[in-house]
Amino acid sequence: MLDRRSSKKMAKYKNYLKGKGGEEMARDFLAKKGYQIVEMNYENKIGEIDLIIIDKDWLVFVEVKLKVGDKFGNPEDMINKKKLSQIKRVAESYLVLEKKVAKKFKKYRIDAVCIMLNEDETLERITHYDNIY
């Protein structure tokens, strides 16, 4: 029998897997739209960015949010000022730490891909928002 801690760990792990699945869906969606994928799950000591892509002459930092069902709101509801500020800090540190890549781009922006799954985990919608910050 699972104790409470094991149950919480299992729930966290399931959420982690759903998040990774959402990131893969977003990557595939953006690649089909013609964006070039630079990195997935970029991480440094400041934080993490789900996807880094190229859109013509833009370097784009993408936040991916996934929700199953709408009981607890939409994925868009999960992107608040604090989250945007964190993404901006990580993006700016990326530009400093990854000078080779950063030199190629004069502009950068932050986008979001929001994914809504039905309760049976089939895709309801996937929406790409440009320049959210």
C-alpha atoms as a PDB file:
ATOM      1  CA  MET A   1       0.000   0.000   0.000  1.00  0.00           C
ATOM      2  CA  LEU A   2       1.279   3.458  -0.900  1.00  0.00           C
ATOM      3  CA  ASP A   3       1.777   5.981   1.854  1.00  0.00           C
ATOM      4  CA  ARG A   4       0.886   9.653   1.454  1.00  0.00           C
ATOM      5  CA  ARG A   5       4.414  10.729   0.451  1.00  0.00           C
ATOM      6  CA  SER A   6       4.653   8.051  -2.228  1.00  0.00           C
ATOM      7  CA  SER A   7       1.264   9.094  -3.545  1.00  0.00           C
ATOM      8  CA  LYS A   8       2.365  12.757  -3.731  1.00  0.00           C
ATOM      9  CA  LYS A   9       5.616  11.784  -5.443  1.00  0.00           C
ATOM     10  CA  MET A  10       3.682   9.721  -7.975  1.00  0.00           C
ATOM     11  CA  ALA A  11       1.293  12.626  -8.702  1.00  0.00           C
ATOM     12  CA  LYS A  12       4.262  14.982  -9.136  1.00  0.00           C
ATOM     13  CA  TYR A  13       5.945  12.533 -11.479  1.00  0.00           C
ATOM     14  CA  LYS A  14       2.751  12.180 -13.558  1.00  0.00           C
ATOM     15  CA  ASN A  15       2.545  15.984 -13.833  1.00  0.00           C
ATOM     16  CA  TYR A  16       6.197  16.078 -14.857  1.00  0.00           C
ATOM     17  CA  LEU A  17       5.538  13.527 -17.607  1.00  0.00           C
ATOM     18  CA  LYS A  18       2.482  15.463 -18.809  1.00  0.00           C
ATOM     19  CA  GLY A  19       4.590  18.624 -18.925  1.00  0.00           C
ATOM     20  CA  LYS A  20       7.300  16.898 -20.951  1.00  0.00           C
ATOM     21  CA  GLY A  21       4.630  15.551 -23.296  1.00  0.00           C
ATOM     22  CA  GLY A  22       3.250  19.067 -23.703  1.00  0.00           C
ATOM     23  CA  GLU A  23       6.697  20.402 -24.533  1.00  0.00           C
ATOM     24  CA  GLU A  24       7.127  17.724 -27.197  1.00  0.00           C
ATOM     25  CA  MET A  25       3.700  18.561 -28.646  1.00  0.00           C
ATOM     26  CA  ALA A  26       4.631  22.258 -28.728  1.00  0.00           C
ATOM     27  CA  ARG A  27       7.996  21.499 -30.348  1.00  0.00           C
ATOM     28  CA  ASP A  28       6.330  19.424 -33.080  1.00  0.00           C
ATOM     29  CA  PHE A  29       3.606  22.047 -33.582  1.00  0.00           C
ATOM     30  CA  LEU A  30       6.147  24.871 -33.957  1.00  0.00           C
ATOM     31  CA  ALA A  31       8.421  22.817 -36.231  1.00  0.00           C
ATOM     32  CA  LYS A  32       5.445  22.140 -38.535  1.00  0.00           C
ATOM     33  CA  LYS A  33       4.804  25.907 -38.633  1.00  0.00           C
ATOM     34  CA  GLY A  34       8.352  26.362 -39.934  1.00  0.00           C
ATOM     35  CA  TYR A  35      10.179  27.461 -36.796  1.00  0.00           C
ATOM     36  CA  GLN A  36      13.665  26.112 -36.204  1.00  0.00           C
ATOM     37  CA  ILE A  37      14.151  24.464 -32.812  1.00  0.00           C
ATOM     38  CA  VAL A  38      17.382  25.567 -31.112  1.00  0.00           C
ATOM     39  CA  GLU A  39      16.970  24.008 -27.669  1.00  0.00           C
ATOM     40  CA  MET A  40      14.490  22.217 -25.495  1.00  0.00           C
ATOM     41  CA  ASN A  41      14.504  22.565 -21.704  1.00  0.00           C
ATOM     42  CA  TYR A  42      17.347  25.045 -21.484  1.00  0.00           C
ATOM     43  CA  GLU A  43      18.363  25.365 -17.863  1.00  0.00           C
ATOM     44  CA  ASN A  44      20.828  27.459 -15.898  1.00  0.00           C
ATOM     45  CA  LYS A  45      21.084  28.508 -12.259  1.00  0.00           C
ATOM     46  CA  ILE A  46      18.441  31.222 -12.765  1.00  0.00           C
ATOM     47  CA  GLY A  47      15.770  28.910 -14.159  1.00  0.00           C
ATOM     48  CA  GLU A  48      14.494  27.021 -17.174  1.00  0.00           C
ATOM     49  CA  ILE A  49      13.010  27.811 -20.580  1.00  0.00           C
ATOM     50  CA  ASP A  50      10.866  25.167 -22.250  1.00  0.00           C
ATOM     51  CA  LEU A  51      11.834  25.885 -25.873  1.00  0.00           C
ATOM     52  CA  ILE A  52      14.155  28.204 -27.720  1.00  0.00           C
ATOM     53  CA  ILE A  53      13.332  28.645 -31.394  1.00  0.00           C
ATOM     54  CA  ILE A  54      14.210  30.795 -34.385  1.00  0.00           C
ATOM     55  CA  ASP A  55      11.566  32.804 -36.230  1.00  0.00           C
ATOM     56  CA  LYS A  56      13.331  34.487 -39.164  1.00  0.00           C
ATOM     57  CA  ASP A  57      15.576  37.068 -37.467  1.00  0.00           C
ATOM     58  CA  TRP A  58      14.067  36.597 -33.993  1.00  0.00           C
ATOM     59  CA  LEU A  59      15.392  34.383 -31.224  1.00  0.00           C
ATOM     60  CA  VAL A  60      12.275  33.240 -29.399  1.00  0.00           C
ATOM     61  CA  PHE A  61      11.954  31.916 -25.849  1.00  0.00           C
ATOM     62  CA  VAL A  62       8.811  29.816 -25.511  1.00  0.00           C
ATOM     63  CA  GLU A  63       6.858  28.968 -22.372  1.00  0.00           C
ATOM     64  CA  VAL A  64       4.655  25.887 -22.741  1.00  0.00           C
ATOM     65  CA  LYS A  65       1.578  25.358 -20.581  1.00  0.00           C
ATOM     66  CA  LEU A  66      -0.654  22.300 -20.695  1.00  0.00           C
ATOM     67  CA  LYS A  67      -3.941  21.635 -18.940  1.00  0.00           C
ATOM     68  CA  VAL A  68      -6.130  18.558 -18.918  1.00  0.00           C
ATOM     69  CA  GLY A  69      -9.782  19.570 -18.804  1.00  0.00           C
ATOM     70  CA  ASP A  70     -10.978  23.027 -17.878  1.00  0.00           C
ATOM     71  CA  LYS A  71     -12.017  22.331 -14.292  1.00  0.00           C
ATOM     72  CA  PHE A  72      -9.142  24.388 -12.938  1.00  0.00           C
ATOM     73  CA  GLY A  73      -8.932  27.029 -15.660  1.00  0.00           C
ATOM     74  CA  ASN A  74      -7.099  27.375 -18.945  1.00  0.00           C
ATOM     75  CA  PRO A  75      -3.375  27.041 -19.573  1.00  0.00           C
ATOM     76  CA  GLU A  76      -3.255  30.778 -20.301  1.00  0.00           C
ATOM     77  CA  ASP A  77      -4.278  31.416 -16.685  1.00  0.00           C
ATOM     78  CA  MET A  78      -0.972  29.922 -15.541  1.00  0.00           C
ATOM     79  CA  ILE A  79       1.129  32.634 -17.192  1.00  0.00           C
ATOM     80  CA  ASN A  80       1.258  35.558 -14.781  1.00  0.00           C
ATOM     81  CA  LYS A  81       3.557  38.572 -14.252  1.00  0.00           C
ATOM     82  CA  LYS A  82       5.848  36.614 -11.934  1.00  0.00           C
ATOM     83  CA  LYS A  83       6.234  33.783 -14.462  1.00  0.00           C
ATOM     84  CA  LEU A  84       6.906  36.235 -17.305  1.00  0.00           C
ATOM     85  CA  SER A  85       9.514  38.042 -15.226  1.00  0.00           C
ATOM     86  CA  GLN A  86      11.255  34.728 -14.483  1.00  0.00           C
ATOM     87  CA  ILE A  87      11.276  33.767 -18.177  1.00  0.00           C
ATOM     88  CA  LYS A  88      12.701  37.184 -19.082  1.00  0.00           C
ATOM     89  CA  ARG A  89      15.522  36.801 -16.540  1.00  0.00           C
ATOM     90  CA  VAL A  90      16.437  33.348 -17.867  1.00  0.00           C
ATOM     91  CA  ALA A  91      16.224  34.578 -21.486  1.00  0.00           C
ATOM     92  CA  GLU A  92      18.525  37.508 -20.731  1.00  0.00           C
ATOM     93  CA  SER A  93      21.001  35.231 -18.962  1.00  0.00           C
ATOM     94  CA  TYR A  94      20.902  32.898 -21.989  1.00  0.00           C
ATOM     95  CA  LEU A  95      21.851  35.825 -24.233  1.00  0.00           C
ATOM     96  CA  VAL A  96      24.826  36.579 -21.981  1.00  0.00           C
ATOM     97  CA  LEU A  97      25.945  32.964 -21.497  1.00  0.00           C
ATOM     98  CA  GLU A  98      25.377  31.788 -25.072  1.00  0.00           C
ATOM     99  CA  LYS A  99      27.137  34.606 -26.892  1.00  0.00           C
ATOM    100  CA  LYS A 100      27.639  32.616 -30.126  1.00  0.00           C
ATOM    101  CA  VAL A 101      23.912  32.138 -30.585  1.00  0.00           C
ATOM    102  CA  ALA A 102      22.944  35.568 -29.266  1.00  0.00           C
ATOM    103  CA  LYS A 103      25.293  37.342 -31.730  1.00  0.00           C
ATOM    104  CA  LYS A 104      23.249  36.050 -34.660  1.00  0.00           C
ATOM    105  CA  PHE A 105      20.063  37.812 -33.521  1.00  0.00           C
ATOM    106  CA  LYS A 106      19.319  41.484 -33.034  1.00  0.00           C
ATOM    107  CA  LYS A 107      15.869  40.811 -31.577  1.00  0.00           C
ATOM    108  CA  TYR A 108      14.354  38.409 -29.137  1.00  0.00           C
ATOM    109  CA  ARG A 109      10.892  37.842 -27.774  1.00  0.00           C
ATOM    110  CA  ILE A 110       8.917  35.608 -25.447  1.00  0.00           C
ATOM    111  CA  ASP A 111       6.093  33.475 -26.833  1.00  0.00           C
ATOM    112  CA  ALA A 112       3.744  30.967 -25.252  1.00  0.00           C
ATOM    113  CA  VAL A 113       2.206  27.748 -26.492  1.00  0.00           C
ATOM    114  CA  CYS A 114      -0.901  26.780 -24.556  1.00  0.00           C
ATOM    115  CA  ILE A 115      -2.243  23.268 -24.895  1.00  0.00           C
ATOM    116  CA  MET A 116      -5.653  22.117 -23.713  1.00  0.00           C
ATOM    117  CA  LEU A 117      -6.359  18.406 -23.543  1.00  0.00           C
ATOM    118  CA  ASN A 118      -9.760  16.817 -23.047  1.00  0.00           C
ATOM    119  CA  GLU A 119     -10.319  14.681 -19.947  1.00  0.00           C
ATOM    120  CA  ASP A 120      -9.425  11.581 -22.021  1.00  0.00           C
ATOM    121  CA  GLU A 121      -6.124  13.392 -22.857  1.00  0.00           C
ATOM    122  CA  THR A 122      -6.936  13.881 -26.541  1.00  0.00           C
ATOM    123  CA  LEU A 123      -6.004  17.266 -27.970  1.00  0.00           C
ATOM    124  CA  GLU A 124      -8.697  19.917 -27.682  1.00  0.00           C
ATOM    125  CA  ARG A 125      -6.564  22.845 -28.866  1.00  0.00           C
ATOM    126  CA  ILE A 126      -3.059  24.164 -29.174  1.00  0.00           C
ATOM    127  CA  THR A 127      -2.549  27.931 -29.391  1.00  0.00           C
ATOM    128  CA  HIS A 128       0.639  29.871 -30.116  1.00  0.00           C
ATOM    129  CA  TYR A 129       0.855  33.418 -28.727  1.00  0.00           C
ATOM    130  CA  ASP A 130       3.557  35.710 -30.152  1.00  0.00           C
ATOM    131  CA  ASN A 131       5.458  38.289 -28.137  1.00  0.00           C
ATOM    132  CA  ILE A 132       3.623  37.978 -24.810  1.00  0.00           C
ATOM    133  CA  TYR A 133       6.055  40.146 -22.840  1.00  0.00           C
END
